[in-house]
Amino acid sequence: MMTAQRSVVITGGSSGLGAATAQLFTEEGWVVHAFDLHPGTLPAQAVFRRVDVRDDQSVKDAFDAVQDSGVQLRCLVHCAGITAFGPSQPGQLIDPETGSVLQNFETIENVLRTNLLGTFSVVRHGAALMSRNADASENGAIILTSSGAALDGKAGQSAYSASKAGIAGMTLPLARELSDASIRVAAIAPGLFDTPILAGTPKLERHVPFPARVGIPQEFAQLAMQIYENKYLNAEVIRLDGGIRGGFISNSPFVR
């Protein structure tokens, strides 16, 4: 069990994968700082900090507050992100029936700003704070969240897939850059998980080879903890998806 002399920042920590991760780290004795827009379902011991990852000043202020708490930041799990695809927020570029350009460029821009630029903002401020630990063995680990859609995106997921592919693509160069600060960087690329993102998408589990079900958020949390604990794991993007790949055909991310 970890001692309370180490803290972890979990972005998107109030719901879905982030909430499960906050729960596990809390159970293991960590001081948990959950960055999110709303408090959601956090463990009672966790510290909620309202953060908009699209706003670099908001991110900086939150990390300053973590520093002021007096407990060293040793891990960062970046789960914050949005999807913006599906029937209510079409991610396609043109209307499939008329061929006209869809008026959703602001939606596309918001996905990239949140998922990709938000990751740069969180990593740079988190890494700067970790580097001040001045530990010869390791100052900390940063765990990013990519997606299976980074490689196997469906129609209408181009903005989302591009943002998650960017996260996969930054993992190795960030690991190399931050090695001088004794910080490891890895990424998890989850497949289909039982989170609010999948609400209203029935029977998706039929595409998962084994186990034939969607993932449980606690399984994501377990992998995040394992990445932190395995000190030789660095610069890797790990798929966590039950073996699902892009072989099934769908003209939409929402498979009926």
Protein backbone atom coordinates (compact mmCIF):
# COMPACT_ATOMS: atom_id res chain seq x y z
CA MET A 1 0.00 0.00 0.00
CA MET A 2 1.25 3.47 -0.88
CA THR A 3 1.70 6.08 1.78
CA ALA A 4 -0.15 9.38 1.90
CA GLN A 5 3.13 11.14 1.17
CA ARG A 6 2.51 10.76 -2.55
CA SER A 7 -0.16 12.46 -4.60
CA VAL A 8 -1.70 11.72 -7.97
CA VAL A 9 -3.54 14.06 -10.32
CA ILE A 10 -6.33 12.39 -12.28
CA THR A 11 -7.93 14.52 -14.96
CA GLY A 12 -11.49 13.64 -15.82
CA GLY A 13 -11.45 12.13 -12.35
CA SER A 14 -15.13 12.58 -11.56
CA SER A 15 -16.65 10.05 -13.97
CA GLY A 16 -15.96 7.00 -16.09
CA LEU A 17 -12.37 5.79 -16.34
CA GLY A 18 -11.07 8.69 -14.27
CA ALA A 19 -13.47 8.06 -11.38
CA ALA A 20 -12.50 4.38 -11.23
CA THR A 21 -8.85 5.39 -11.22
CA ALA A 22 -9.46 7.92 -8.44
CA GLN A 23 -11.18 5.22 -6.40
CA LEU A 24 -8.31 2.74 -6.75
CA PHE A 25 -5.56 5.25 -5.95
CA THR A 26 -7.54 6.43 -2.93
CA GLU A 27 -7.87 2.84 -1.70
CA GLU A 28 -4.09 2.44 -2.07
CA GLY A 29 -3.43 5.40 0.20
CA TRP A 30 -2.65 8.11 -2.32
CA VAL A 31 -3.66 11.73 -2.00
CA VAL A 32 -5.92 12.11 -5.04
CA HIS A 33 -6.47 15.43 -6.82
CA ALA A 34 -9.33 15.07 -9.30
CA PHE A 35 -9.34 17.68 -12.06
CA ASP A 36 -12.74 17.97 -13.71
CA LEU A 37 -15.54 20.38 -14.54
CA HIS A 38 -17.94 18.84 -12.00
CA PRO A 39 -17.36 16.88 -8.76
CA GLY A 40 -19.35 13.85 -9.92
CA THR A 41 -18.87 10.63 -7.97
CA LEU A 42 -15.54 11.11 -6.22
CA PRO A 43 -14.33 9.21 -3.16
CA ALA A 44 -14.85 11.27 -0.02
CA GLN A 45 -11.08 11.53 0.54
CA ALA A 46 -10.32 12.89 -2.92
CA VAL A 47 -9.70 16.58 -3.52
CA PHE A 48 -11.82 18.02 -6.32
CA ARG A 49 -10.35 20.87 -8.35
CA ARG A 50 -12.46 22.48 -11.04
CA VAL A 51 -10.37 22.51 -14.20
CA ASP A 52 -11.11 23.11 -17.86
CA VAL A 53 -8.27 21.43 -19.77
CA ARG A 54 -8.94 23.71 -22.74
CA ASP A 55 -7.82 26.66 -20.58
CA ASP A 56 -4.07 26.58 -19.90
CA GLN A 57 -4.39 29.08 -17.04
CA SER A 58 -7.01 26.89 -15.38
CA VAL A 59 -4.65 23.92 -15.63
CA LYS A 60 -1.70 25.91 -14.27
CA ASP A 61 -3.71 27.22 -11.31
CA ALA A 62 -4.79 23.70 -10.39
CA PHE A 63 -1.23 22.36 -10.44
CA ASP A 64 -0.12 25.35 -8.36
CA ALA A 65 -2.74 24.31 -5.81
CA VAL A 66 -1.39 20.75 -5.86
CA GLN A 67 2.09 22.12 -5.17
CA ASP A 68 0.75 24.24 -2.32
CA SER A 69 -0.80 21.14 -0.73
CA GLY A 70 2.69 20.08 0.28
CA VAL A 71 2.48 16.46 -0.90
CA GLN A 72 4.77 15.50 -3.77
CA LEU A 73 3.12 14.78 -7.10
CA ARG A 74 4.32 11.36 -8.23
CA CYS A 75 1.75 10.31 -10.80
CA LEU A 76 -0.50 11.92 -13.38
CA VAL A 77 -3.31 9.98 -15.07
CA HIS A 78 -4.82 12.06 -17.85
CA CYS A 79 -8.33 10.80 -18.64
CA ALA A 80 -10.10 14.05 -19.51
CA GLY A 81 -11.54 14.04 -23.01
CA ILE A 82 -14.66 14.20 -25.15
CA THR A 83 -16.01 12.21 -28.08
CA ALA A 84 -18.51 14.37 -30.04
CA PHE A 85 -19.67 11.75 -32.48
CA GLY A 86 -22.93 9.94 -32.97
CA PRO A 87 -26.52 10.90 -33.77
CA SER A 88 -26.68 13.99 -31.57
CA GLN A 89 -23.25 15.39 -32.50
CA PRO A 90 -22.31 14.16 -35.96
CA GLY A 91 -18.58 13.94 -36.53
CA GLN A 92 -18.86 13.51 -40.27
CA LEU A 93 -17.54 16.25 -42.51
CA ILE A 94 -20.33 16.13 -45.12
CA ASP A 95 -23.98 15.16 -45.01
CA PRO A 96 -24.19 11.60 -46.42
CA GLU A 97 -27.58 12.30 -47.99
CA THR A 98 -27.03 15.70 -49.59
CA GLY A 99 -23.24 15.91 -49.90
CA SER A 100 -23.26 19.36 -48.34
CA VAL A 101 -20.72 20.46 -45.75
CA LEU A 102 -21.98 19.94 -42.20
CA GLN A 103 -21.91 23.06 -40.04
CA ASN A 104 -19.98 21.42 -37.22
CA PHE A 105 -16.48 22.81 -37.54
CA GLU A 106 -16.71 24.26 -34.03
CA THR A 107 -17.43 20.76 -32.73
CA ILE A 108 -14.38 19.38 -34.53
CA GLU A 109 -12.22 22.21 -33.20
CA ASN A 110 -13.48 21.61 -29.66
CA VAL A 111 -12.57 17.92 -29.83
CA LEU A 112 -9.02 18.74 -30.89
CA ARG A 113 -8.68 21.55 -28.37
CA THR A 114 -9.94 19.38 -25.51
CA ASN A 115 -8.30 16.07 -26.28
CA LEU A 116 -5.04 17.06 -27.94
CA LEU A 117 -4.13 20.59 -26.85
CA GLY A 118 -5.57 19.82 -23.42
CA THR A 119 -3.12 16.94 -23.12
CA PHE A 120 -0.17 19.22 -23.90
CA SER A 121 -1.35 21.68 -21.26
CA VAL A 122 -1.78 19.04 -18.57
CA VAL A 123 1.51 17.29 -19.35
CA ARG A 124 3.66 20.41 -19.37
CA HIS A 125 2.41 21.70 -16.04
CA GLY A 126 2.35 18.25 -14.45
CA ALA A 127 5.87 17.40 -15.63
CA ALA A 128 7.21 20.73 -14.41
CA LEU A 129 5.84 20.05 -10.94
CA MET A 130 7.10 16.45 -10.88
CA SER A 131 10.59 17.52 -11.92
CA ARG A 132 10.89 19.51 -8.70
CA ASN A 133 10.81 16.28 -6.67
CA ALA A 134 14.54 15.94 -7.35
CA ASP A 135 14.54 12.17 -6.86
CA ALA A 136 17.51 10.39 -8.39
CA SER A 137 15.52 7.18 -8.93
CA GLU A 138 12.30 8.56 -10.41
CA ASN A 139 10.35 11.78 -10.12
CA GLY A 140 7.07 10.36 -11.38
CA ALA A 141 5.05 8.74 -14.13
CA ILE A 142 2.61 10.28 -16.60
CA ILE A 143 -0.12 8.05 -18.00
CA LEU A 144 -2.07 9.35 -20.99
CA THR A 145 -5.32 8.07 -22.49
CA SER A 146 -5.35 7.37 -26.21
CA SER A 147 -7.97 5.09 -27.77
CA GLY A 148 -8.40 2.09 -30.02
CA ALA A 149 -9.97 4.64 -32.37
CA ALA A 150 -6.50 6.12 -32.85
CA LEU A 151 -5.84 3.19 -35.19
CA ASP A 152 -9.29 1.73 -35.87
CA GLY A 153 -11.58 4.74 -36.10
CA LYS A 154 -15.00 4.43 -37.66
CA ALA A 155 -16.81 6.76 -40.02
CA GLY A 156 -17.70 9.98 -38.24
CA GLN A 157 -14.81 9.65 -35.79
CA SER A 158 -12.15 11.50 -37.78
CA ALA A 159 -11.72 14.37 -35.29
CA TYR A 160 -11.83 12.05 -32.28
CA SER A 161 -9.49 9.53 -33.91
CA ALA A 162 -7.06 12.28 -34.91
CA SER A 163 -6.98 13.65 -31.38
CA LYS A 164 -6.33 10.22 -29.87
CA ALA A 165 -3.76 9.34 -32.53
CA GLY A 166 -1.96 12.54 -31.55
CA ILE A 167 -1.80 11.34 -27.96
CA ALA A 168 -0.34 8.01 -29.06
CA GLY A 169 2.13 9.87 -31.26
CA MET A 170 3.36 12.16 -28.49
CA THR A 171 4.04 9.34 -26.02
CA LEU A 172 7.49 8.31 -27.26
CA PRO A 173 8.92 11.81 -27.83
CA LEU A 174 7.59 12.95 -24.45
CA ALA A 175 9.17 9.93 -22.77
CA ARG A 176 12.46 10.80 -24.41
CA GLU A 177 12.19 14.47 -23.51
CA LEU A 178 11.21 13.87 -19.90
CA SER A 179 13.82 11.18 -19.28
CA ASP A 180 16.20 13.96 -18.28
CA ALA A 181 13.73 14.84 -15.52
CA SER A 182 13.44 11.17 -14.41
CA ILE A 183 9.79 11.00 -15.52
CA ARG A 184 8.27 8.07 -17.41
CA VAL A 185 5.46 8.50 -19.95
CA ALA A 186 3.10 5.80 -21.21
CA ALA A 187 -0.38 5.68 -22.69
CA ILE A 188 -3.38 3.39 -22.46
CA ALA A 189 -5.51 2.90 -25.57
CA PRO A 190 -8.83 1.59 -24.26
CA GLY A 191 -11.40 -0.07 -26.45
CA LEU A 192 -15.08 -0.30 -25.53
CA PHE A 193 -15.65 0.45 -21.85
CA ASP A 194 -18.77 0.69 -19.73
CA THR A 195 -18.72 4.46 -19.32
CA PRO A 196 -21.18 7.25 -20.15
CA ILE A 197 -19.55 7.57 -23.59
CA LEU A 198 -21.11 4.25 -24.61
CA ALA A 199 -24.59 5.11 -23.38
CA GLY A 200 -27.12 4.15 -26.05
CA THR A 201 -24.76 1.91 -28.04
CA PRO A 202 -26.25 -1.58 -27.63
CA LYS A 203 -24.68 -4.92 -28.51
CA LEU A 204 -21.18 -3.55 -29.07
CA GLU A 205 -19.77 -6.40 -26.99
CA ARG A 206 -20.44 -8.82 -29.85
CA HIS A 207 -17.38 -7.39 -31.60
CA VAL A 208 -14.99 -8.18 -28.71
CA PRO A 209 -13.16 -11.54 -29.18
CA PHE A 210 -12.51 -12.37 -25.50
CA PRO A 211 -13.77 -11.71 -22.98
CA ALA A 212 -16.91 -10.99 -25.02
CA ARG A 213 -17.99 -7.90 -23.12
CA VAL A 214 -17.16 -4.24 -22.80
CA GLY A 215 -14.41 -3.27 -20.40
CA ILE A 216 -14.94 -2.43 -16.75
CA PRO A 217 -13.53 0.96 -15.70
CA GLN A 218 -11.72 -0.70 -12.79
CA GLU A 219 -9.68 -2.66 -15.35
CA PHE A 220 -8.41 0.62 -16.80
CA ALA A 221 -7.58 1.79 -13.27
CA GLN A 222 -5.66 -1.42 -12.57
CA LEU A 223 -3.53 -0.94 -15.66
CA ALA A 224 -2.80 2.67 -14.72
CA MET A 225 -1.60 1.51 -11.30
CA GLN A 226 0.47 -1.27 -12.87
CA ILE A 227 2.15 1.20 -15.22
CA TYR A 228 3.13 3.33 -12.25
CA GLU A 229 4.41 0.36 -10.27
CA ASN A 230 6.47 -1.19 -13.08
CA LYS A 231 9.45 1.13 -13.18
CA TYR A 232 10.80 -0.27 -16.44
CA LEU A 233 7.64 0.44 -18.40
CA ASN A 234 8.17 3.56 -20.46
CA ALA A 235 7.29 5.11 -23.85
CA GLU A 236 4.65 2.46 -24.57
CA VAL A 237 1.07 2.67 -25.87
CA ILE A 238 -0.87 -0.27 -24.44
CA ARG A 239 -4.13 -1.42 -25.99
CA LEU A 240 -6.73 -2.52 -23.44
CA ASP A 241 -9.63 -3.82 -25.50
CA GLY A 242 -10.24 -7.57 -25.24
CA GLY A 243 -8.64 -8.00 -28.67
CA ILE A 244 -11.10 -5.87 -30.64
CA ARG A 245 -9.76 -4.48 -33.89
CA GLY A 246 -11.19 -2.58 -36.82
CA GLY A 247 -12.46 -5.57 -38.75
CA PHE A 248 -16.17 -5.04 -38.16
CA ILE A 249 -17.95 -2.85 -40.67
CA SER A 250 -19.97 0.14 -39.58
CA ASN A 251 -20.95 3.36 -41.30
CA SER A 252 -21.15 4.95 -37.87
CA PRO A 253 -19.43 4.61 -34.50
CA PHE A 254 -22.87 3.63 -33.18
CA VAL A 255 -23.31 0.00 -34.16
CA ARG A 256 -26.88 -1.29 -33.91
